[in-house]
Amino acid sequence: MHARTTEWQCETQGWVLTLFATAGFADVLGCPLCHGPLPPAEVGTLACTVCGARYPVTVGLADLVPPEPGQAETPNMRIMESGLLARVYERAWRPILTRLLTGMSHEAERTWSLDRLAPAPGATVLDLACGPGNTTRTIAAAAPAGRVLGIDFSTAMLSEALAAAPADGATVGYVRGDAHRLPLQPASLDAVNCAGAFYLFSDPPRVLAGIAAALRPDGRFTLMTSQQPRLGGATTAALMRPGGLRVYARGEMERLLDEAGFDVLDRRPAGFMLLLAARRR
């Protein structure tokens, strides 16, 4: 009896924590299938008011990945579920990888994007593929009266984000979601950041369409993605493809942004990567 009571208390506590964390995003979070609102139902569940789809809540985390996600799991996505990687990601993995691929420090990369994202103090911002929240918290400090929502597919990464010290400034929340079926209501965001994940997405136009739908007109979008080098670009792309990594041709991401309804405002080639800033038309 005591064990069952403790289990119920943990579940309820997790539900209350999740409800508290997501309540500030009630006008932002939406069903990934139909984008209807997701008010809380009974303990442990969020339920769509439009299509009736239900999504589970575990301790501290709402899981808004639909039963059939928009992207098949790749080897790289499985690697991101490693608890060990999640623990060292912010302190070592991400800074080292950024330096190797871009020639920039992780701090310089974030500064470039944040300067162009330029969130207003009260802005509502999405950090897509947020990992353990390293950039999410940086954005929160820049929008002290705003809201910053972190979405990632990896439960391990999100567990680290939830365990981190609260960010200074904006209200911060985290949910599990699929970039190909974003759990967001239409025109609910002022800005979106997605740093270092577009090379993992199997259907980039679908992801960009979802971001565009969730942004208000003139909303800002910053991203860092792969770009083929001038020498051996096609060979590099072919070598990366079996592992689920996409290396974009030069000018390809700018074309995809234009087709999704974005105007490119600034770009910075950086080694094997490309930093872009765009505005929703």
Protein backbone atom coordinates (compact mmCIF):
# COMPACT_ATOMS: atom_id res chain seq x y z
CA MET A 1 0.00 0.00 0.00
CA HIS A 2 2.80 2.37 0.93
CA ALA A 3 4.63 1.66 -2.34
CA ARG A 4 1.49 2.29 -4.40
CA THR A 5 0.78 5.48 -2.48
CA THR A 6 4.33 6.72 -3.08
CA GLU A 7 4.02 5.90 -6.77
CA TRP A 8 0.76 7.86 -6.98
CA GLN A 9 2.30 10.78 -5.11
CA CYS A 10 5.27 10.86 -7.52
CA GLU A 11 2.94 10.73 -10.50
CA THR A 12 0.77 13.51 -9.10
CA GLN A 13 3.78 15.64 -8.24
CA GLY A 14 5.13 15.18 -11.76
CA TRP A 15 1.73 16.12 -13.17
CA VAL A 16 1.58 19.27 -11.06
CA LEU A 17 5.12 20.25 -12.10
CA THR A 18 4.28 19.66 -15.75
CA LEU A 19 0.99 21.52 -15.47
CA PHE A 20 2.83 24.43 -13.86
CA ALA A 21 5.49 24.40 -16.59
CA THR A 22 3.03 24.18 -19.50
CA ALA A 23 0.33 26.48 -18.12
CA GLY A 24 2.36 29.49 -19.22
CA PHE A 25 2.27 28.10 -22.77
CA ALA A 26 -1.44 27.24 -23.01
CA ASP A 27 -1.86 29.57 -25.99
CA VAL A 28 1.26 28.13 -27.67
CA LEU A 29 1.17 24.36 -27.28
CA GLY A 30 -1.10 22.53 -29.70
CA CYS A 31 -1.93 19.05 -30.85
CA PRO A 32 0.75 17.87 -33.33
CA LEU A 33 -1.98 16.24 -35.43
CA CYS A 34 -4.47 19.12 -35.80
CA HIS A 35 -2.85 22.02 -33.83
CA GLY A 36 -5.87 22.36 -31.53
CA PRO A 37 -5.41 23.55 -27.91
CA LEU A 38 -4.16 21.04 -25.31
CA PRO A 39 -5.75 21.72 -21.90
CA PRO A 40 -5.05 19.22 -19.10
CA ALA A 41 -7.45 16.29 -18.74
CA GLU A 42 -7.16 13.78 -15.90
CA VAL A 43 -3.89 13.30 -14.05
CA GLY A 44 -1.18 12.27 -16.48
CA THR A 45 -2.84 13.40 -19.71
CA LEU A 46 -3.23 16.39 -22.01
CA ALA A 47 -6.17 16.16 -24.40
CA CYS A 48 -6.82 18.01 -27.66
CA THR A 49 -10.10 19.92 -27.68
CA VAL A 50 -10.45 19.53 -31.47
CA CYS A 51 -9.57 15.95 -32.45
CA GLY A 52 -9.56 14.36 -28.99
CA ALA A 53 -6.00 12.98 -29.25
CA ARG A 54 -4.44 12.40 -25.84
CA TYR A 55 -0.81 12.79 -24.82
CA PRO A 56 0.88 11.34 -21.73
CA VAL A 57 2.64 13.25 -19.01
CA THR A 58 5.49 11.61 -17.14
CA VAL A 59 7.33 13.10 -14.19
CA GLY A 60 7.94 16.68 -15.20
CA LEU A 61 7.55 16.20 -18.97
CA ALA A 62 4.68 16.28 -21.47
CA ASP A 63 5.24 13.90 -24.40
CA LEU A 64 3.68 15.49 -27.48
CA VAL A 65 5.12 13.12 -30.08
CA PRO A 66 2.14 11.53 -31.87
CA PRO A 67 1.83 7.71 -32.12
CA GLU A 68 3.23 7.86 -35.65
CA PRO A 69 5.96 10.54 -35.64
CA GLY A 70 6.74 12.41 -38.81
CA GLN A 71 10.32 11.15 -38.92
CA ALA A 72 11.62 7.60 -38.68
CA GLU A 73 14.26 7.11 -36.00
CA THR A 74 17.81 7.25 -37.35
CA PRO A 75 21.08 6.01 -35.79
CA ASN A 76 21.96 9.59 -34.86
CA MET A 77 18.62 10.06 -33.11
CA ARG A 78 19.29 6.91 -31.08
CA ILE A 79 22.69 8.28 -30.11
CA MET A 80 20.98 11.43 -28.81
CA GLU A 81 19.02 9.25 -26.37
CA SER A 82 22.25 8.33 -24.59
CA GLY A 83 22.19 9.48 -21.00
CA LEU A 84 25.97 9.81 -21.01
CA LEU A 85 25.93 12.06 -24.08
CA ALA A 86 23.16 14.16 -22.56
CA ARG A 87 25.24 14.71 -19.42
CA VAL A 88 28.36 15.87 -21.30
CA TYR A 89 26.60 17.57 -24.22
CA GLU A 90 26.55 21.12 -22.90
CA ARG A 91 29.96 21.13 -21.20
CA ALA A 92 32.00 19.24 -23.80
CA TRP A 93 30.29 17.66 -26.80
CA ARG A 94 28.56 20.73 -28.25
CA PRO A 95 31.46 23.20 -27.73
CA ILE A 96 34.01 20.78 -29.23
CA LEU A 97 31.79 19.82 -32.16
CA THR A 98 30.97 23.47 -32.91
CA ARG A 99 34.65 24.41 -32.92
CA LEU A 100 35.56 21.49 -35.22
CA LEU A 101 32.74 22.09 -37.72
CA THR A 102 32.60 25.88 -37.78
CA GLY A 103 35.91 27.21 -36.50
CA MET A 104 33.83 29.30 -34.08
CA SER A 105 33.32 28.92 -30.36
CA HIS A 106 29.89 27.82 -29.20
CA GLU A 107 29.54 31.19 -27.46
CA ALA A 108 30.32 33.09 -30.68
CA GLU A 109 27.83 30.99 -32.61
CA ARG A 110 25.08 31.65 -30.06
CA THR A 111 25.91 35.37 -29.96
CA TRP A 112 25.64 35.66 -33.77
CA SER A 113 22.22 34.00 -33.76
CA LEU A 114 20.89 35.81 -30.70
CA ASP A 115 21.89 39.21 -32.10
CA ARG A 116 19.82 38.49 -35.21
CA LEU A 117 16.96 36.75 -33.44
CA ALA A 118 16.68 39.92 -31.35
CA PRO A 119 13.73 38.83 -29.19
CA ALA A 120 11.71 41.64 -27.65
CA PRO A 121 11.65 41.59 -23.83
CA GLY A 122 8.17 40.03 -23.81
CA ALA A 123 8.58 37.74 -26.83
CA THR A 124 7.42 34.14 -27.10
CA VAL A 125 10.32 32.13 -28.53
CA LEU A 126 10.79 28.50 -29.57
CA ASP A 127 14.17 26.79 -29.24
CA LEU A 128 13.70 23.81 -31.55
CA ALA A 129 15.95 20.77 -30.98
CA CYS A 130 16.88 22.41 -27.67
CA GLY A 131 18.94 19.52 -26.29
CA PRO A 132 19.71 20.06 -22.60
CA GLY A 133 18.65 23.71 -22.81
CA ASN A 134 22.04 25.38 -23.25
CA THR A 135 20.78 27.85 -25.86
CA THR A 136 17.25 27.93 -24.40
CA ARG A 137 18.55 29.54 -21.23
CA THR A 138 20.65 32.04 -23.21
CA ILE A 139 17.54 33.16 -25.09
CA ALA A 140 15.61 33.38 -21.81
CA ALA A 141 18.16 35.81 -20.40
CA ALA A 142 17.68 38.02 -23.47
CA ALA A 143 13.87 38.11 -23.11
CA PRO A 144 13.39 38.80 -19.39
CA ALA A 145 9.62 39.29 -19.56
CA GLY A 146 9.01 36.69 -22.26
CA ARG A 147 8.50 32.96 -22.65
CA VAL A 148 10.93 30.43 -24.14
CA LEU A 149 9.76 26.94 -25.05
CA GLY A 150 12.29 24.16 -25.64
CA ILE A 151 11.24 21.21 -27.83
CA ASP A 152 13.38 18.14 -28.44
CA PHE A 153 12.81 14.52 -29.50
CA SER A 154 15.30 13.12 -26.98
CA THR A 155 13.98 12.28 -23.53
CA ALA A 156 17.53 12.04 -22.20
CA MET A 157 18.36 15.58 -23.34
CA LEU A 158 15.13 16.98 -21.93
CA SER A 159 15.74 15.29 -18.58
CA GLU A 160 19.02 17.20 -18.36
CA ALA A 161 17.25 20.43 -19.32
CA LEU A 162 14.66 19.94 -16.60
CA ALA A 163 17.33 19.16 -14.01
CA ALA A 164 19.36 22.29 -14.81
CA ALA A 165 19.15 25.39 -12.67
CA PRO A 166 16.24 27.64 -13.68
CA ALA A 167 17.08 30.23 -16.29
CA ASP A 168 17.25 33.89 -15.37
CA GLY A 169 14.65 36.04 -17.07
CA ALA A 170 11.90 34.55 -19.20
CA THR A 171 9.49 31.78 -18.28
CA VAL A 172 10.99 28.55 -19.64
CA GLY A 173 9.20 25.28 -20.41
CA TYR A 174 10.19 22.02 -22.09
CA VAL A 175 8.15 19.39 -23.93
CA ARG A 176 9.02 16.36 -26.05
CA GLY A 177 8.04 16.88 -29.67
CA ASP A 178 8.78 15.95 -33.28
CA ALA A 179 10.04 18.76 -35.54
CA HIS A 180 8.07 17.23 -38.43
CA ARG A 181 4.82 17.52 -36.45
CA LEU A 182 5.34 20.52 -34.24
CA PRO A 183 3.03 20.60 -31.19
CA LEU A 184 2.16 24.26 -31.64
CA GLN A 185 -0.85 26.44 -32.35
CA PRO A 186 -0.81 28.61 -35.50
CA ALA A 187 0.78 32.08 -35.29
CA SER A 188 1.69 31.60 -31.64
CA LEU A 189 5.41 32.53 -31.77
CA ASP A 190 7.43 35.69 -32.23
CA ALA A 191 10.74 33.96 -32.95
CA VAL A 192 12.29 30.53 -33.50
CA ASN A 193 15.85 29.28 -33.13
CA CYS A 194 17.12 25.93 -34.40
CA ALA A 195 20.87 25.51 -34.05
CA GLY A 196 22.58 22.43 -35.39
CA ALA A 197 19.69 20.05 -36.11
CA PHE A 198 18.52 20.57 -39.69
CA TYR A 199 21.03 18.02 -40.95
CA LEU A 200 19.13 15.39 -38.94
CA PHE A 201 15.66 16.12 -40.37
CA SER A 202 14.37 13.74 -43.03
CA ASP A 203 11.85 16.20 -44.51
CA PRO A 204 13.22 19.77 -44.20
CA PRO A 205 10.40 21.44 -46.22
CA ARG A 206 7.86 19.95 -43.81
CA VAL A 207 9.79 21.24 -40.81
CA LEU A 208 10.11 24.71 -42.32
CA ALA A 209 6.39 24.77 -43.17
CA GLY A 210 5.58 23.94 -39.54
CA ILE A 211 7.86 26.69 -38.27
CA ALA A 212 6.35 29.20 -40.69
CA ALA A 213 2.82 28.26 -39.60
CA ALA A 214 3.68 28.74 -35.94
CA LEU A 215 5.36 32.12 -36.46
CA ARG A 216 3.52 35.40 -36.62
CA PRO A 217 4.17 37.59 -39.71
CA ASP A 218 7.60 39.24 -39.49
CA GLY A 219 8.68 36.66 -36.90
CA ARG A 220 12.41 35.98 -36.83
CA PHE A 221 14.05 32.60 -37.45
CA THR A 222 17.71 31.75 -36.86
CA LEU A 223 19.34 28.44 -37.69
CA MET A 224 22.64 26.70 -38.13
CA THR A 225 22.87 23.87 -40.62
CA SER A 226 25.33 21.94 -42.75
CA GLN A 227 26.64 23.16 -46.07
CA GLN A 228 28.72 21.37 -48.67
CA PRO A 229 32.32 22.59 -48.86
CA ARG A 230 33.50 24.06 -52.14
CA LEU A 231 35.84 21.12 -52.72
CA GLY A 232 34.44 17.59 -52.54
CA GLY A 233 30.96 18.73 -51.54
CA ALA A 234 29.05 15.98 -53.33
CA THR A 235 31.40 13.32 -51.96
CA THR A 236 31.00 14.65 -48.42
CA ALA A 237 27.20 14.58 -48.76
CA ALA A 238 27.27 10.99 -50.05
CA LEU A 239 29.47 9.83 -47.17
CA MET A 240 27.20 11.40 -44.54
CA ARG A 241 23.89 10.19 -46.00
CA PRO A 242 23.98 6.53 -44.74
CA GLY A 243 24.27 7.78 -41.16
CA GLY A 244 21.16 9.94 -41.51
CA LEU A 245 23.11 13.20 -41.84
CA ARG A 246 22.17 15.58 -44.62
CA VAL A 247 24.74 17.99 -46.07
CA TYR A 248 22.95 20.76 -47.96
CA ALA A 249 24.19 21.99 -51.32
CA ARG A 250 25.31 25.60 -51.46
CA GLY A 251 22.25 27.83 -51.73
CA GLU A 252 19.84 24.95 -51.02
CA MET A 253 18.76 26.07 -47.57
CA GLU A 254 18.20 29.64 -48.77
CA ARG A 255 15.94 28.26 -51.52
CA LEU A 256 14.00 26.11 -49.04
CA LEU A 257 13.52 29.12 -46.77
CA ASP A 258 12.19 31.20 -49.65
CA GLU A 259 9.75 28.47 -50.66
CA ALA A 260 8.52 28.22 -47.05
CA GLY A 261 7.74 31.95 -46.90
CA PHE A 262 10.91 33.39 -45.39
CA ASP A 263 13.19 36.24 -46.47
CA VAL A 264 16.86 35.67 -45.65
CA LEU A 265 18.24 38.64 -43.72
CA ASP A 266 21.79 37.53 -43.05
CA ARG A 267 24.06 34.56 -43.59
CA ARG A 268 27.48 33.50 -42.32
CA PRO A 269 29.37 30.55 -43.80
CA ALA A 270 31.41 28.89 -41.06
CA GLY A 271 33.50 25.88 -42.03
CA PHE A 272 31.22 22.95 -42.81
CA MET A 273 28.22 24.87 -41.46
CA LEU A 274 26.06 27.86 -42.38
CA LEU A 275 24.39 30.30 -40.01
CA LEU A 276 21.24 31.99 -41.33
CA ALA A 277 18.82 34.62 -40.09
CA ALA A 278 15.41 34.97 -41.77
CA ARG A 279 12.07 36.74 -41.37
CA ARG A 280 8.62 35.25 -41.90
CA ARG A 281 6.82 37.05 -44.74
